[in-house]
Amino acid sequence: MNVASILRQKGRSVFTIAPNATIASAVALLRRHGIGALVVSRDGEAIDGILSERDIVHALADHGGKALELDITQIMSRHVVTCDEGDAVADLMGLMTQRRMRHLPVVENGKLAGMISIGDVVKNRIDEVVEEATSMREFIASA
């Protein structure tokens, strides 16, 4: 299985936020949509950074309540690890676990094409294992 199979199931919508937005507006957007990260983008296609709940918690620890007034560019992660539709789910599980990342933007032809989470990756892998087990049971039963 690959990233394309996850995107077919969950869709390609990605929530983005402008680099000059405040942390308060990002928090409101995260809460409204029940998500854990936003892609920071000027145009919805290029990736300028990523802002996760972890980034916000660190900013709150460093700046207290005043963190909510900061621009996103002041706390976002600028080095964004991405994947593409052809990447194998099993490889991404290892990458996300090793690098302690919960969200990976999907890029195709240099443009933002989706977002996958560790939950998406784990669900996909579990579905794959269940399917393999069912196929083996059917094969054994037919023998």
N, C-alpha and C. Protein backbone atom coordinates (compact mmCIF):
# COMPACT_ATOMS: atom_id res chain seq x y z
N MET A 1 0.84 -1.18 0.00
CA MET A 1 0.00 0.00 0.00
C MET A 1 0.88 1.25 0.00
N ASN A 2 0.32 2.30 -0.58
CA ASN A 2 1.08 3.54 -0.64
C ASN A 2 0.22 4.73 -0.23
N VAL A 3 0.81 5.90 -0.25
CA VAL A 3 0.14 7.12 0.18
C VAL A 3 -1.10 7.39 -0.67
N ALA A 4 -1.04 7.09 -1.96
CA ALA A 4 -2.19 7.32 -2.83
C ALA A 4 -3.42 6.57 -2.32
N SER A 5 -3.23 5.36 -1.79
CA SER A 5 -4.37 4.59 -1.28
C SER A 5 -4.98 5.27 -0.05
N ILE A 6 -4.17 5.87 0.78
CA ILE A 6 -4.69 6.60 1.94
C ILE A 6 -5.49 7.81 1.47
N LEU A 7 -4.94 8.56 0.52
CA LEU A 7 -5.61 9.76 0.03
C LEU A 7 -6.93 9.43 -0.66
N ARG A 8 -6.99 8.28 -1.33
CA ARG A 8 -8.26 7.87 -1.96
C ARG A 8 -9.34 7.67 -0.91
N GLN A 9 -8.97 7.15 0.24
CA GLN A 9 -9.93 6.89 1.30
C GLN A 9 -10.31 8.15 2.07
N LYS A 10 -9.34 8.96 2.41
CA LYS A 10 -9.60 10.10 3.30
C LYS A 10 -9.80 11.42 2.59
N GLY A 11 -9.38 11.49 1.34
CA GLY A 11 -9.49 12.74 0.60
C GLY A 11 -8.20 13.54 0.65
N ARG A 12 -8.20 14.62 -0.10
CA ARG A 12 -6.98 15.41 -0.26
C ARG A 12 -7.04 16.76 0.42
N SER A 13 -8.08 17.04 1.16
CA SER A 13 -8.19 18.37 1.74
C SER A 13 -7.11 18.58 2.80
N VAL A 14 -6.54 19.76 2.77
CA VAL A 14 -5.49 20.14 3.71
C VAL A 14 -5.83 21.52 4.25
N PHE A 15 -5.74 21.68 5.55
CA PHE A 15 -5.98 22.99 6.14
C PHE A 15 -4.65 23.73 6.18
N THR A 16 -4.66 24.93 5.62
CA THR A 16 -3.46 25.75 5.59
C THR A 16 -3.74 27.06 6.33
N ILE A 17 -2.65 27.73 6.64
CA ILE A 17 -2.76 29.04 7.29
C ILE A 17 -1.64 29.92 6.76
N ALA A 18 -1.92 31.20 6.66
CA ALA A 18 -0.92 32.15 6.14
C ALA A 18 0.19 32.36 7.17
N PRO A 19 1.41 32.60 6.69
CA PRO A 19 2.55 32.79 7.60
C PRO A 19 2.39 33.96 8.56
N ASN A 20 1.65 35.00 8.16
CA ASN A 20 1.53 36.18 9.02
C ASN A 20 0.35 36.11 9.98
N ALA A 21 -0.35 34.97 10.02
CA ALA A 21 -1.46 34.79 10.96
C ALA A 21 -0.90 34.64 12.38
N THR A 22 -1.75 34.85 13.36
CA THR A 22 -1.32 34.71 14.75
C THR A 22 -1.52 33.28 15.23
N ILE A 23 -0.83 32.97 16.31
CA ILE A 23 -0.99 31.66 16.93
C ILE A 23 -2.43 31.50 17.41
N ALA A 24 -3.04 32.56 17.91
CA ALA A 24 -4.44 32.48 18.36
C ALA A 24 -5.35 32.03 17.22
N SER A 25 -5.14 32.56 16.03
CA SER A 25 -5.99 32.15 14.89
C SER A 25 -5.71 30.71 14.50
N ALA A 26 -4.47 30.28 14.64
CA ALA A 26 -4.13 28.88 14.34
C ALA A 26 -4.80 27.95 15.35
N VAL A 27 -4.78 28.33 16.62
CA VAL A 27 -5.41 27.51 17.65
C VAL A 27 -6.91 27.37 17.36
N ALA A 28 -7.55 28.46 16.98
CA ALA A 28 -8.98 28.42 16.66
C ALA A 28 -9.25 27.49 15.47
N LEU A 29 -8.41 27.54 14.47
CA LEU A 29 -8.57 26.69 13.28
C LEU A 29 -8.35 25.21 13.62
N LEU A 30 -7.33 24.93 14.43
CA LEU A 30 -7.08 23.55 14.86
C LEU A 30 -8.29 23.01 15.61
N ARG A 31 -8.82 23.81 16.51
CA ARG A 31 -9.96 23.36 17.31
C ARG A 31 -11.21 23.17 16.45
N ARG A 32 -11.49 24.14 15.59
CA ARG A 32 -12.69 24.09 14.75
C ARG A 32 -12.73 22.83 13.89
N HIS A 33 -11.56 22.43 13.39
CA HIS A 33 -11.52 21.28 12.48
C HIS A 33 -11.08 19.98 13.16
N GLY A 34 -10.74 20.04 14.44
CA GLY A 34 -10.35 18.84 15.17
C GLY A 34 -9.10 18.19 14.60
N ILE A 35 -8.12 19.02 14.27
CA ILE A 35 -6.87 18.53 13.67
C ILE A 35 -5.69 18.90 14.55
N GLY A 36 -4.52 18.32 14.24
CA GLY A 36 -3.34 18.54 15.07
C GLY A 36 -2.23 19.34 14.43
N ALA A 37 -2.39 19.70 13.15
CA ALA A 37 -1.33 20.46 12.48
C ALA A 37 -1.91 21.21 11.29
N LEU A 38 -1.25 22.31 10.97
CA LEU A 38 -1.60 23.12 9.81
C LEU A 38 -0.37 23.29 8.94
N VAL A 39 -0.57 23.24 7.64
CA VAL A 39 0.52 23.58 6.73
C VAL A 39 0.52 25.10 6.60
N VAL A 40 1.68 25.69 6.77
CA VAL A 40 1.83 27.13 6.62
C VAL A 40 2.16 27.39 5.15
N SER A 41 1.30 28.19 4.52
CA SER A 41 1.46 28.41 3.07
C SER A 41 0.89 29.78 2.69
N ARG A 42 1.65 30.48 1.86
CA ARG A 42 1.19 31.77 1.35
C ARG A 42 0.09 31.61 0.32
N ASP A 43 0.14 30.51 -0.45
CA ASP A 43 -0.76 30.36 -1.59
C ASP A 43 -1.56 29.06 -1.62
N GLY A 44 -1.41 28.21 -0.62
CA GLY A 44 -2.13 26.94 -0.59
C GLY A 44 -1.47 25.85 -1.42
N GLU A 45 -0.36 26.16 -2.06
CA GLU A 45 0.35 25.17 -2.88
C GLU A 45 1.78 24.95 -2.42
N ALA A 46 2.50 26.03 -2.14
CA ALA A 46 3.88 25.94 -1.66
C ALA A 46 3.86 25.78 -0.14
N ILE A 47 4.81 25.02 0.38
CA ILE A 47 4.89 24.80 1.82
C ILE A 47 5.97 25.68 2.40
N ASP A 48 5.55 26.61 3.28
CA ASP A 48 6.50 27.50 3.96
C ASP A 48 6.93 26.92 5.30
N GLY A 49 6.09 26.07 5.87
CA GLY A 49 6.37 25.46 7.16
C GLY A 49 5.20 24.61 7.60
N ILE A 50 5.29 24.12 8.81
CA ILE A 50 4.19 23.38 9.41
C ILE A 50 4.08 23.80 10.86
N LEU A 51 2.86 23.90 11.34
CA LEU A 51 2.61 24.30 12.72
C LEU A 51 1.81 23.18 13.37
N SER A 52 2.39 22.60 14.41
CA SER A 52 1.72 21.50 15.10
C SER A 52 1.35 21.92 16.52
N GLU A 53 0.52 21.10 17.13
CA GLU A 53 0.17 21.33 18.53
C GLU A 53 1.43 21.39 19.39
N ARG A 54 2.40 20.57 19.07
CA ARG A 54 3.66 20.55 19.83
C ARG A 54 4.36 21.91 19.75
N ASP A 55 4.38 22.52 18.56
CA ASP A 55 4.99 23.85 18.41
C ASP A 55 4.29 24.87 19.31
N ILE A 56 2.97 24.78 19.37
CA ILE A 56 2.20 25.72 20.18
C ILE A 56 2.47 25.51 21.67
N VAL A 57 2.53 24.27 22.10
CA VAL A 57 2.82 23.97 23.51
C VAL A 57 4.20 24.52 23.89
N HIS A 58 5.18 24.33 23.01
CA HIS A 58 6.52 24.86 23.29
C HIS A 58 6.50 26.38 23.39
N ALA A 59 5.75 27.03 22.50
CA ALA A 59 5.66 28.50 22.53
C ALA A 59 4.99 28.97 23.82
N LEU A 60 3.96 28.26 24.25
CA LEU A 60 3.29 28.62 25.51
C LEU A 60 4.23 28.46 26.69
N ALA A 61 5.03 27.41 26.67
CA ALA A 61 6.00 27.19 27.76
C ALA A 61 7.04 28.31 27.77
N ASP A 62 7.45 28.77 26.60
CA ASP A 62 8.48 29.80 26.50
C ASP A 62 7.96 31.22 26.72
N HIS A 63 6.72 31.50 26.26
CA HIS A 63 6.22 32.88 26.25
C HIS A 63 4.95 33.09 27.06
N GLY A 64 4.41 32.05 27.64
CA GLY A 64 3.15 32.20 28.37
C GLY A 64 2.03 32.57 27.43
N GLY A 65 1.03 33.24 27.96
CA GLY A 65 -0.14 33.63 27.17
C GLY A 65 0.17 34.55 26.01
N LYS A 66 1.29 35.27 26.10
CA LYS A 66 1.68 36.18 25.00
C LYS A 66 2.00 35.41 23.72
N ALA A 67 2.21 34.11 23.83
CA ALA A 67 2.50 33.29 22.64
C ALA A 67 1.36 33.38 21.63
N LEU A 68 0.15 33.55 22.12
CA LEU A 68 -1.00 33.60 21.22
C LEU A 68 -0.97 34.81 20.30
N GLU A 69 -0.21 35.82 20.66
CA GLU A 69 -0.10 37.03 19.84
C GLU A 69 1.01 36.94 18.79
N LEU A 70 1.87 35.93 18.91
CA LEU A 70 3.00 35.79 17.98
C LEU A 70 2.51 35.42 16.59
N ASP A 71 3.31 35.80 15.60
CA ASP A 71 3.06 35.33 14.22
C ASP A 71 3.49 33.87 14.13
N ILE A 72 2.83 33.16 13.28
CA ILE A 72 3.14 31.74 13.08
C ILE A 72 4.60 31.52 12.69
N THR A 73 5.14 32.43 11.89
CA THR A 73 6.53 32.27 11.44
C THR A 73 7.52 32.25 12.60
N GLN A 74 7.12 32.78 13.75
CA GLN A 74 8.01 32.82 14.90
C GLN A 74 8.15 31.47 15.59
N ILE A 75 7.20 30.56 15.37
CA ILE A 75 7.29 29.27 16.06
C ILE A 75 7.14 28.06 15.14
N MET A 76 6.75 28.25 13.90
CA MET A 76 6.52 27.10 13.01
C MET A 76 7.82 26.33 12.75
N SER A 77 7.66 25.09 12.38
CA SER A 77 8.80 24.29 11.95
C SER A 77 9.05 24.61 10.48
N ARG A 78 10.24 25.06 10.19
CA ARG A 78 10.57 25.46 8.81
C ARG A 78 11.05 24.29 7.95
N HIS A 79 11.70 23.35 8.59
CA HIS A 79 12.17 22.17 7.85
C HIS A 79 11.04 21.14 7.86
N VAL A 80 10.35 21.03 6.74
CA VAL A 80 9.18 20.16 6.67
C VAL A 80 9.53 18.90 5.88
N VAL A 81 9.36 17.77 6.52
CA VAL A 81 9.53 16.48 5.86
C VAL A 81 8.22 16.20 5.13
N THR A 82 8.32 15.83 3.87
CA THR A 82 7.13 15.54 3.07
C THR A 82 7.22 14.13 2.50
N CYS A 83 6.14 13.71 1.89
CA CYS A 83 6.13 12.43 1.19
C CYS A 83 5.42 12.64 -0.13
N ASP A 84 5.42 11.60 -0.97
CA ASP A 84 4.65 11.68 -2.20
C ASP A 84 3.73 10.47 -2.30
N GLU A 85 2.85 10.50 -3.27
CA GLU A 85 1.81 9.48 -3.38
C GLU A 85 2.35 8.07 -3.57
N GLY A 86 3.54 7.94 -4.09
CA GLY A 86 4.10 6.62 -4.33
C GLY A 86 4.82 6.02 -3.14
N ASP A 87 5.00 6.78 -2.08
CA ASP A 87 5.71 6.27 -0.91
C ASP A 87 4.93 5.14 -0.24
N ALA A 88 5.64 4.12 0.19
CA ALA A 88 5.03 2.97 0.85
C ALA A 88 4.65 3.31 2.28
N VAL A 89 3.47 2.85 2.68
CA VAL A 89 2.97 3.10 4.03
C VAL A 89 3.92 2.53 5.08
N ALA A 90 4.45 1.34 4.85
CA ALA A 90 5.36 0.72 5.82
C ALA A 90 6.60 1.58 6.04
N ASP A 91 7.13 2.18 4.97
CA ASP A 91 8.30 3.05 5.10
C ASP A 91 7.97 4.30 5.92
N LEU A 92 6.78 4.85 5.69
CA LEU A 92 6.39 6.06 6.40
C LEU A 92 6.15 5.80 7.87
N MET A 93 5.65 4.61 8.20
CA MET A 93 5.47 4.26 9.62
C MET A 93 6.80 4.37 10.35
N GLY A 94 7.84 3.81 9.75
CA GLY A 94 9.16 3.87 10.35
C GLY A 94 9.69 5.28 10.45
N LEU A 95 9.55 6.04 9.37
CA LEU A 95 10.02 7.42 9.34
C LEU A 95 9.32 8.27 10.40
N MET A 96 7.99 8.16 10.46
CA MET A 96 7.22 8.97 11.39
C MET A 96 7.53 8.59 12.84
N THR A 97 7.73 7.31 13.09
CA THR A 97 8.06 6.86 14.44
C THR A 97 9.46 7.32 14.83
N GLN A 98 10.41 7.11 13.94
CA GLN A 98 11.81 7.48 14.21
C GLN A 98 11.96 8.99 14.43
N ARG A 99 11.31 9.79 13.61
CA ARG A 99 11.47 11.25 13.69
C ARG A 99 10.43 11.91 14.60
N ARG A 100 9.55 11.09 15.20
CA ARG A 100 8.52 11.57 16.12
C ARG A 100 7.63 12.63 15.49
N MET A 101 7.19 12.33 14.26
CA MET A 101 6.30 13.23 13.52
C MET A 101 4.92 12.57 13.45
N ARG A 102 3.89 13.39 13.56
CA ARG A 102 2.54 12.85 13.47
C ARG A 102 1.83 13.27 12.20
N HIS A 103 2.43 14.18 11.43
CA HIS A 103 1.79 14.67 10.20
C HIS A 103 2.83 14.82 9.09
N LEU A 104 2.44 14.39 7.91
CA LEU A 104 3.31 14.52 6.73
C LEU A 104 2.51 15.12 5.58
N PRO A 105 2.90 16.30 5.12
CA PRO A 105 2.28 16.83 3.91
C PRO A 105 2.67 15.96 2.71
N VAL A 106 1.74 15.80 1.81
CA VAL A 106 1.98 15.05 0.57
C VAL A 106 2.21 16.08 -0.53
N VAL A 107 3.30 15.91 -1.28
CA VAL A 107 3.64 16.85 -2.35
C VAL A 107 3.71 16.09 -3.66
N GLU A 108 3.07 16.64 -4.66
CA GLU A 108 3.14 16.11 -6.02
C GLU A 108 3.45 17.27 -6.96
N ASN A 109 4.44 17.07 -7.82
CA ASN A 109 4.86 18.09 -8.78
C ASN A 109 5.14 19.43 -8.10
N GLY A 110 5.74 19.37 -6.92
CA GLY A 110 6.13 20.57 -6.21
C GLY A 110 5.00 21.30 -5.51
N LYS A 111 3.79 20.72 -5.51
CA LYS A 111 2.65 21.39 -4.89
C LYS A 111 2.02 20.51 -3.81
N LEU A 112 1.46 21.15 -2.81
CA LEU A 112 0.76 20.47 -1.74
C LEU A 112 -0.42 19.69 -2.32
N ALA A 113 -0.46 18.38 -2.03
CA ALA A 113 -1.49 17.53 -2.61
C ALA A 113 -2.31 16.77 -1.57
N GLY A 114 -1.99 16.93 -0.29
CA GLY A 114 -2.72 16.23 0.75
C GLY A 114 -1.92 16.24 2.04
N MET A 115 -2.48 15.58 3.05
CA MET A 115 -1.80 15.47 4.35
C MET A 115 -2.19 14.12 4.93
N ILE A 116 -1.19 13.42 5.45
CA ILE A 116 -1.49 12.17 6.14
C ILE A 116 -0.98 12.27 7.58
N SER A 117 -1.66 11.57 8.45
CA SER A 117 -1.28 11.55 9.86
C SER A 117 -0.82 10.15 10.23
N ILE A 118 -0.19 10.04 11.38
CA ILE A 118 0.24 8.73 11.86
C ILE A 118 -0.99 7.83 12.03
N GLY A 119 -2.12 8.41 12.41
CA GLY A 119 -3.35 7.63 12.53
C GLY A 119 -3.79 7.05 11.20
N ASP A 120 -3.66 7.83 10.13
CA ASP A 120 -4.00 7.34 8.79
C ASP A 120 -3.10 6.18 8.40
N VAL A 121 -1.82 6.32 8.70
CA VAL A 121 -0.83 5.30 8.34
C VAL A 121 -1.08 4.01 9.12
N VAL A 122 -1.33 4.14 10.41
CA VAL A 122 -1.57 2.96 11.24
C VAL A 122 -2.87 2.27 10.81
N LYS A 123 -3.93 3.04 10.58
CA LYS A 123 -5.21 2.46 10.14
C LYS A 123 -5.03 1.70 8.83
N ASN A 124 -4.31 2.30 7.89
CA ASN A 124 -4.07 1.66 6.60
C ASN A 124 -3.31 0.35 6.78
N ARG A 125 -2.31 0.36 7.63
CA ARG A 125 -1.52 -0.86 7.86
C ARG A 125 -2.35 -1.94 8.53
N ILE A 126 -3.18 -1.58 9.49
CA ILE A 126 -4.05 -2.55 10.15
C ILE A 126 -5.03 -3.16 9.13
N ASP A 127 -5.63 -2.32 8.30
CA ASP A 127 -6.53 -2.81 7.26
C ASP A 127 -5.82 -3.79 6.33
N GLU A 128 -4.58 -3.48 6.01
CA GLU A 128 -3.78 -4.35 5.14
C GLU A 128 -3.52 -5.71 5.80
N VAL A 129 -3.18 -5.71 7.07
CA VAL A 129 -2.90 -6.96 7.80
C VAL A 129 -4.18 -7.80 7.93
N VAL A 130 -5.30 -7.16 8.21
CA VAL A 130 -6.58 -7.87 8.30
C VAL A 130 -6.92 -8.52 6.96
N GLU A 131 -6.72 -7.77 5.89
CA GLU A 131 -7.00 -8.30 4.54
C GLU A 131 -6.11 -9.50 4.23
N GLU A 132 -4.83 -9.41 4.59
CA GLU A 132 -3.92 -10.54 4.36
C GLU A 132 -4.35 -11.77 5.17
N ALA A 133 -4.74 -11.56 6.42
CA ALA A 133 -5.18 -12.68 7.28
C ALA A 133 -6.44 -13.32 6.73
N THR A 134 -7.37 -12.51 6.25
CA THR A 134 -8.61 -13.04 5.67
C THR A 134 -8.29 -13.86 4.44
N SER A 135 -7.41 -13.37 3.59
CA SER A 135 -7.03 -14.11 2.39
C SER A 135 -6.37 -15.44 2.73
N MET A 136 -5.53 -15.45 3.74
CA MET A 136 -4.88 -16.69 4.15
C MET A 136 -5.89 -17.69 4.69
N ARG A 137 -6.85 -17.21 5.50
CA ARG A 137 -7.89 -18.10 6.03
C ARG A 137 -8.71 -18.72 4.91
N GLU A 138 -9.07 -17.89 3.93
CA GLU A 138 -9.84 -18.38 2.80
C GLU A 138 -9.03 -19.40 2.00
N PHE A 139 -7.76 -19.16 1.83
CA PHE A 139 -6.90 -20.09 1.09
C PHE A 139 -6.81 -21.42 1.81
N ILE A 140 -6.59 -21.35 3.13
CA ILE A 140 -6.47 -22.58 3.93
C ILE A 140 -7.80 -23.35 3.93
N ALA A 141 -8.91 -22.64 4.04
CA ALA A 141 -10.23 -23.29 4.05
C ALA A 141 -10.56 -23.96 2.72
N SER A 142 -10.03 -23.42 1.63
CA SER A 142 -10.33 -23.98 0.32
C SER A 142 -9.41 -25.13 -0.06
N ALA A 143 -8.34 -25.36 0.71
CA ALA A 143 -7.38 -26.40 0.38
C ALA A 143 -7.83 -27.78 0.78
